[in-house]
Amino acid sequence: MSDVSAEMQEDGLLRAACLKAVRRHCGLSTREVSGRMGIVHRTYEHFEAGHGRLNLDYLYRFSEATGSDFYGLLHAIAIGSPEFAVRSADNKFMMTFTVLLQSYDQRVGDGIRDLDTRDLIAAFGQMFDGLARLTEQRADEAAAFLEEGQRDLSSKRPKPGR
């Protein structure tokens, strides 16, 4: 097998993993998704199995059918992470990023060429570090809330033998 066809097969397996993970996350069957996409079920199965080249029209229709993030799917494939496809499916993480990127492109235009790679690394690193801190903070807040609520519920519950 040539390097090109081996790479295409690996890409297909990655696409398949992303699509299956998102479809399952949404609780949909292959028949439901193919119906929502308006394609024959067998064609959908071929698509979900990762056969052939990436079809952006089908990928977009899949994201519409599942209510997931088209750009999240693209980036999940690009970074090799089916988990990212699921993680970004509901909150539209990459769609949000892409909308803001489009706005930035329109605002700055050719000035983008003048940016130094080190500045990009610093800016994106700061943004992602901030998001990571926010995620950790929210998880801590949720854990504290549940712990306090559990104590409150336990204090009001009848004790055994009463």
C-alpha atoms as a PDB file:
ATOM      1  CA  MET A   1       0.000   0.000   0.000  1.00  0.00           C
ATOM      2  CA  SER A   2       1.395   3.422  -0.908  1.00  0.00           C
ATOM      3  CA  ASP A   3       2.039   6.081   1.719  1.00  0.00           C
ATOM      4  CA  VAL A   4      -0.748   8.219   0.217  1.00  0.00           C
ATOM      5  CA  SER A   5      -3.391   5.491   0.402  1.00  0.00           C
ATOM      6  CA  ALA A   6      -2.259   4.484   3.903  1.00  0.00           C
ATOM      7  CA  GLU A   7      -2.605   8.112   4.988  1.00  0.00           C
ATOM      8  CA  MET A   8      -6.076   8.329   3.395  1.00  0.00           C
ATOM      9  CA  GLN A   9      -7.099   5.170   5.242  1.00  0.00           C
ATOM     10  CA  GLU A  10      -5.883   6.634   8.541  1.00  0.00           C
ATOM     11  CA  ASP A  11      -7.750   9.877   7.808  1.00  0.00           C
ATOM     12  CA  GLY A  12     -10.863   7.851   7.022  1.00  0.00           C
ATOM     13  CA  LEU A  13     -10.632   5.976  10.305  1.00  0.00           C
ATOM     14  CA  LEU A  14     -10.237   9.256  12.167  1.00  0.00           C
ATOM     15  CA  ARG A  15     -13.232  10.786  10.359  1.00  0.00           C
ATOM     16  CA  ALA A  16     -15.250   7.674  11.123  1.00  0.00           C
ATOM     17  CA  ALA A  17     -14.381   7.880  14.816  1.00  0.00           C
ATOM     18  CA  CYS A  18     -15.375  11.573  14.930  1.00  0.00           C
ATOM     19  CA  LEU A  19     -18.697  11.014  13.170  1.00  0.00           C
ATOM     20  CA  LYS A  20     -19.640   7.957  15.212  1.00  0.00           C
ATOM     21  CA  ALA A  21     -18.711   9.649  18.474  1.00  0.00           C
ATOM     22  CA  VAL A  22     -20.852  12.710  17.721  1.00  0.00           C
ATOM     23  CA  ARG A  23     -23.786  10.665  16.421  1.00  0.00           C
ATOM     24  CA  ARG A  24     -23.739   8.489  19.540  1.00  0.00           C
ATOM     25  CA  HIS A  25     -23.361  11.546  21.760  1.00  0.00           C
ATOM     26  CA  CYS A  26     -26.548  12.889  20.168  1.00  0.00           C
ATOM     27  CA  GLY A  27     -28.321   9.571  20.725  1.00  0.00           C
ATOM     28  CA  LEU A  28     -29.127   9.110  17.039  1.00  0.00           C
ATOM     29  CA  SER A  29     -29.146   6.029  14.857  1.00  0.00           C
ATOM     30  CA  THR A  30     -27.522   5.889  11.438  1.00  0.00           C
ATOM     31  CA  ARG A  31     -31.001   5.769   9.888  1.00  0.00           C
ATOM     32  CA  GLU A  32     -32.079   8.916  11.740  1.00  0.00           C
ATOM     33  CA  VAL A  33     -28.986  10.820  10.646  1.00  0.00           C
ATOM     34  CA  SER A  34     -29.190   9.661   7.027  1.00  0.00           C
ATOM     35  CA  GLY A  35     -32.851  10.708   6.938  1.00  0.00           C
ATOM     36  CA  ARG A  36     -32.066  14.117   8.390  1.00  0.00           C
ATOM     37  CA  MET A  37     -29.227  14.542   5.897  1.00  0.00           C
ATOM     38  CA  GLY A  38     -31.491  13.540   3.031  1.00  0.00           C
ATOM     39  CA  ILE A  39     -29.230  10.781   1.757  1.00  0.00           C
ATOM     40  CA  VAL A  40     -29.657   7.057   1.234  1.00  0.00           C
ATOM     41  CA  HIS A  41     -28.855   5.039   4.350  1.00  0.00           C
ATOM     42  CA  ARG A  42     -26.163   2.978   2.587  1.00  0.00           C
ATOM     43  CA  THR A  43     -24.488   6.182   1.387  1.00  0.00           C
ATOM     44  CA  TYR A  44     -24.511   7.487   4.947  1.00  0.00           C
ATOM     45  CA  GLU A  45     -22.968   4.265   6.246  1.00  0.00           C
ATOM     46  CA  HIS A  46     -20.207   4.621   3.629  1.00  0.00           C
ATOM     47  CA  PHE A  47     -19.656   8.246   4.735  1.00  0.00           C
ATOM     48  CA  GLU A  48     -19.648   7.426   8.460  1.00  0.00           C
ATOM     49  CA  ALA A  49     -17.234   4.546   7.883  1.00  0.00           C
ATOM     50  CA  GLY A  50     -14.736   7.088   6.529  1.00  0.00           C
ATOM     51  CA  HIS A  51     -14.595   5.696   3.003  1.00  0.00           C
ATOM     52  CA  GLY A  52     -13.491   7.981   0.212  1.00  0.00           C
ATOM     53  CA  ARG A  53     -12.337  11.550   0.456  1.00  0.00           C
ATOM     54  CA  LEU A  54     -13.684  14.027   2.972  1.00  0.00           C
ATOM     55  CA  ASN A  55     -16.944  15.450   1.630  1.00  0.00           C
ATOM     56  CA  LEU A  56     -17.462  18.890   3.162  1.00  0.00           C
ATOM     57  CA  ASP A  57     -21.089  19.037   2.005  1.00  0.00           C
ATOM     58  CA  TYR A  58     -21.840  15.787   3.826  1.00  0.00           C
ATOM     59  CA  LEU A  59     -19.886  16.951   6.867  1.00  0.00           C
ATOM     60  CA  TYR A  60     -21.917  20.167   6.960  1.00  0.00           C
ATOM     61  CA  ARG A  61     -25.180  18.263   6.510  1.00  0.00           C
ATOM     62  CA  PHE A  62     -24.097  15.879   9.270  1.00  0.00           C
ATOM     63  CA  SER A  63     -23.484  18.804  11.633  1.00  0.00           C
ATOM     64  CA  GLU A  64     -26.910  20.220  10.794  1.00  0.00           C
ATOM     65  CA  ALA A  65     -28.557  16.799  11.263  1.00  0.00           C
ATOM     66  CA  THR A  66     -26.912  16.274  14.655  1.00  0.00           C
ATOM     67  CA  GLY A  67     -26.928  19.890  15.827  1.00  0.00           C
ATOM     68  CA  SER A  68     -23.161  19.666  16.261  1.00  0.00           C
ATOM     69  CA  ASP A  69     -20.298  22.025  15.420  1.00  0.00           C
ATOM     70  CA  PHE A  70     -19.181  21.777  11.763  1.00  0.00           C
ATOM     71  CA  TYR A  71     -15.939  23.612  12.539  1.00  0.00           C
ATOM     72  CA  GLY A  72     -15.424  21.447  15.612  1.00  0.00           C
ATOM     73  CA  LEU A  73     -15.648  18.370  13.385  1.00  0.00           C
ATOM     74  CA  LEU A  74     -13.115  19.816  10.943  1.00  0.00           C
ATOM     75  CA  HIS A  75     -10.695  20.686  13.710  1.00  0.00           C
ATOM     76  CA  ALA A  76     -11.191  17.363  15.477  1.00  0.00           C
ATOM     77  CA  ILE A  77     -10.052  15.682  12.284  1.00  0.00           C
ATOM     78  CA  ALA A  78      -7.169  18.151  11.900  1.00  0.00           C
ATOM     79  CA  ILE A  79      -5.884  17.584  15.455  1.00  0.00           C
ATOM     80  CA  GLY A  80      -6.637  13.855  15.509  1.00  0.00           C
ATOM     81  CA  SER A  81      -9.135  13.990  18.377  1.00  0.00           C
ATOM     82  CA  PRO A  82     -12.588  12.415  18.026  1.00  0.00           C
ATOM     83  CA  GLU A  83     -13.098  13.489  21.642  1.00  0.00           C
ATOM     84  CA  PHE A  84     -12.783  17.128  20.592  1.00  0.00           C
ATOM     85  CA  ALA A  85     -15.619  16.610  18.101  1.00  0.00           C
ATOM     86  CA  VAL A  86     -17.861  15.593  20.999  1.00  0.00           C
ATOM     87  CA  ARG A  87     -16.488  18.213  23.396  1.00  0.00           C
ATOM     88  CA  SER A  88     -17.260  21.026  20.948  1.00  0.00           C
ATOM     89  CA  ALA A  89     -20.535  19.598  19.607  1.00  0.00           C
ATOM     90  CA  ASP A  90     -22.935  21.263  22.034  1.00  0.00           C
ATOM     91  CA  ASN A  91     -21.290  24.571  22.901  1.00  0.00           C
ATOM     92  CA  LYS A  92     -20.141  25.262  19.322  1.00  0.00           C
ATOM     93  CA  PHE A  93     -16.612  26.012  20.525  1.00  0.00           C
ATOM     94  CA  MET A  94     -15.010  26.170  17.085  1.00  0.00           C
ATOM     95  CA  MET A  95     -17.978  27.884  15.444  1.00  0.00           C
ATOM     96  CA  THR A  96     -17.640  30.654  18.011  1.00  0.00           C
ATOM     97  CA  PHE A  97     -13.892  30.862  17.381  1.00  0.00           C
ATOM     98  CA  THR A  98     -14.442  30.926  13.601  1.00  0.00           C
ATOM     99  CA  VAL A  99     -17.078  33.675  13.782  1.00  0.00           C
ATOM    100  CA  LEU A 100     -14.681  35.801  15.843  1.00  0.00           C
ATOM    101  CA  LEU A 101     -11.809  34.948  13.502  1.00  0.00           C
ATOM    102  CA  GLN A 102     -13.884  36.083  10.526  1.00  0.00           C
ATOM    103  CA  SER A 103     -14.660  39.346  12.298  1.00  0.00           C
ATOM    104  CA  TYR A 104     -10.969  39.806  13.130  1.00  0.00           C
ATOM    105  CA  ASP A 105      -9.985  39.143   9.517  1.00  0.00           C
ATOM    106  CA  GLN A 106     -12.446  41.756   8.288  1.00  0.00           C
ATOM    107  CA  ARG A 107     -11.265  44.276  10.877  1.00  0.00           C
ATOM    108  CA  VAL A 108      -7.500  43.861  10.502  1.00  0.00           C
ATOM    109  CA  GLY A 109      -7.222  42.583   6.927  1.00  0.00           C
ATOM    110  CA  ASP A 110      -3.692  42.593   5.522  1.00  0.00           C
ATOM    111  CA  GLY A 111      -2.352  43.631   8.919  1.00  0.00           C
ATOM    112  CA  ILE A 112      -2.534  39.954   9.853  1.00  0.00           C
ATOM    113  CA  ARG A 113       0.620  39.416   7.772  1.00  0.00           C
ATOM    114  CA  ASP A 114       2.533  41.767  10.073  1.00  0.00           C
ATOM    115  CA  LEU A 115       1.883  39.693  13.188  1.00  0.00           C
ATOM    116  CA  ASP A 116       4.878  37.875  14.612  1.00  0.00           C
ATOM    117  CA  THR A 117       4.458  34.176  15.372  1.00  0.00           C
ATOM    118  CA  ARG A 118       5.680  34.783  18.926  1.00  0.00           C
ATOM    119  CA  ASP A 119       2.863  37.288  19.449  1.00  0.00           C
ATOM    120  CA  LEU A 120       0.327  34.752  18.178  1.00  0.00           C
ATOM    121  CA  ILE A 121       1.678  32.118  20.540  1.00  0.00           C
ATOM    122  CA  ALA A 122       1.476  34.542  23.462  1.00  0.00           C
ATOM    123  CA  ALA A 123      -2.050  35.733  22.610  1.00  0.00           C
ATOM    124  CA  PHE A 124      -3.510  32.282  21.951  1.00  0.00           C
ATOM    125  CA  GLY A 125      -1.672  30.824  24.929  1.00  0.00           C
ATOM    126  CA  GLN A 126      -3.129  33.521  27.189  1.00  0.00           C
ATOM    127  CA  MET A 127      -6.626  32.933  25.792  1.00  0.00           C
ATOM    128  CA  PHE A 128      -6.479  29.153  26.249  1.00  0.00           C
ATOM    129  CA  ASP A 129      -4.889  29.445  29.711  1.00  0.00           C
ATOM    130  CA  GLY A 130      -7.743  31.755  30.720  1.00  0.00           C
ATOM    131  CA  LEU A 131     -10.335  29.311  29.408  1.00  0.00           C
ATOM    132  CA  ALA A 132      -8.624  26.464  31.273  1.00  0.00           C
ATOM    133  CA  ARG A 133      -8.720  28.480  34.517  1.00  0.00           C
ATOM    134  CA  LEU A 134     -12.403  29.253  33.945  1.00  0.00           C
ATOM    135  CA  THR A 135     -13.147  25.551  33.385  1.00  0.00           C
ATOM    136  CA  GLU A 136     -11.307  24.599  36.579  1.00  0.00           C
ATOM    137  CA  GLN A 137     -13.042  27.368  38.552  1.00  0.00           C
ATOM    138  CA  ARG A 138     -16.479  26.256  37.403  1.00  0.00           C
ATOM    139  CA  ALA A 139     -15.712  22.638  38.265  1.00  0.00           C
ATOM    140  CA  ASP A 140     -14.557  23.703  41.751  1.00  0.00           C
ATOM    141  CA  GLU A 141     -17.693  25.845  42.230  1.00  0.00           C
ATOM    142  CA  ALA A 142     -19.941  22.967  41.165  1.00  0.00           C
ATOM    143  CA  ALA A 143     -18.182  20.539  43.512  1.00  0.00           C
ATOM    144  CA  ALA A 144     -18.454  22.977  46.437  1.00  0.00           C
ATOM    145  CA  PHE A 145     -22.147  23.578  45.728  1.00  0.00           C
ATOM    146  CA  LEU A 146     -22.910  19.848  45.632  1.00  0.00           C
ATOM    147  CA  GLU A 147     -20.886  19.167  48.773  1.00  0.00           C
ATOM    148  CA  GLU A 148     -22.693  21.919  50.691  1.00  0.00           C
ATOM    149  CA  GLY A 149     -26.056  20.775  49.352  1.00  0.00           C
ATOM    150  CA  GLN A 150     -25.357  17.170  50.350  1.00  0.00           C
ATOM    151  CA  ARG A 151     -24.481  18.254  53.899  1.00  0.00           C
ATOM    152  CA  ASP A 152     -27.687  20.324  54.091  1.00  0.00           C
ATOM    153  CA  LEU A 153     -29.810  17.460  52.786  1.00  0.00           C
ATOM    154  CA  SER A 154     -28.170  14.980  55.160  1.00  0.00           C
ATOM    155  CA  SER A 155     -28.765  17.238  58.171  1.00  0.00           C
ATOM    156  CA  LYS A 156     -32.509  17.329  57.490  1.00  0.00           C
ATOM    157  CA  ARG A 157     -32.911  13.652  56.727  1.00  0.00           C
ATOM    158  CA  PRO A 158     -34.432  11.464  59.454  1.00  0.00           C
ATOM    159  CA  LYS A 159     -31.834   9.450  61.326  1.00  0.00           C
ATOM    160  CA  PRO A 160     -32.171   5.661  61.427  1.00  0.00           C
ATOM    161  CA  GLY A 161     -34.252   4.430  64.331  1.00  0.00           C
ATOM    162  CA  ARG A 162     -36.429   7.525  64.640  1.00  0.00           C
END
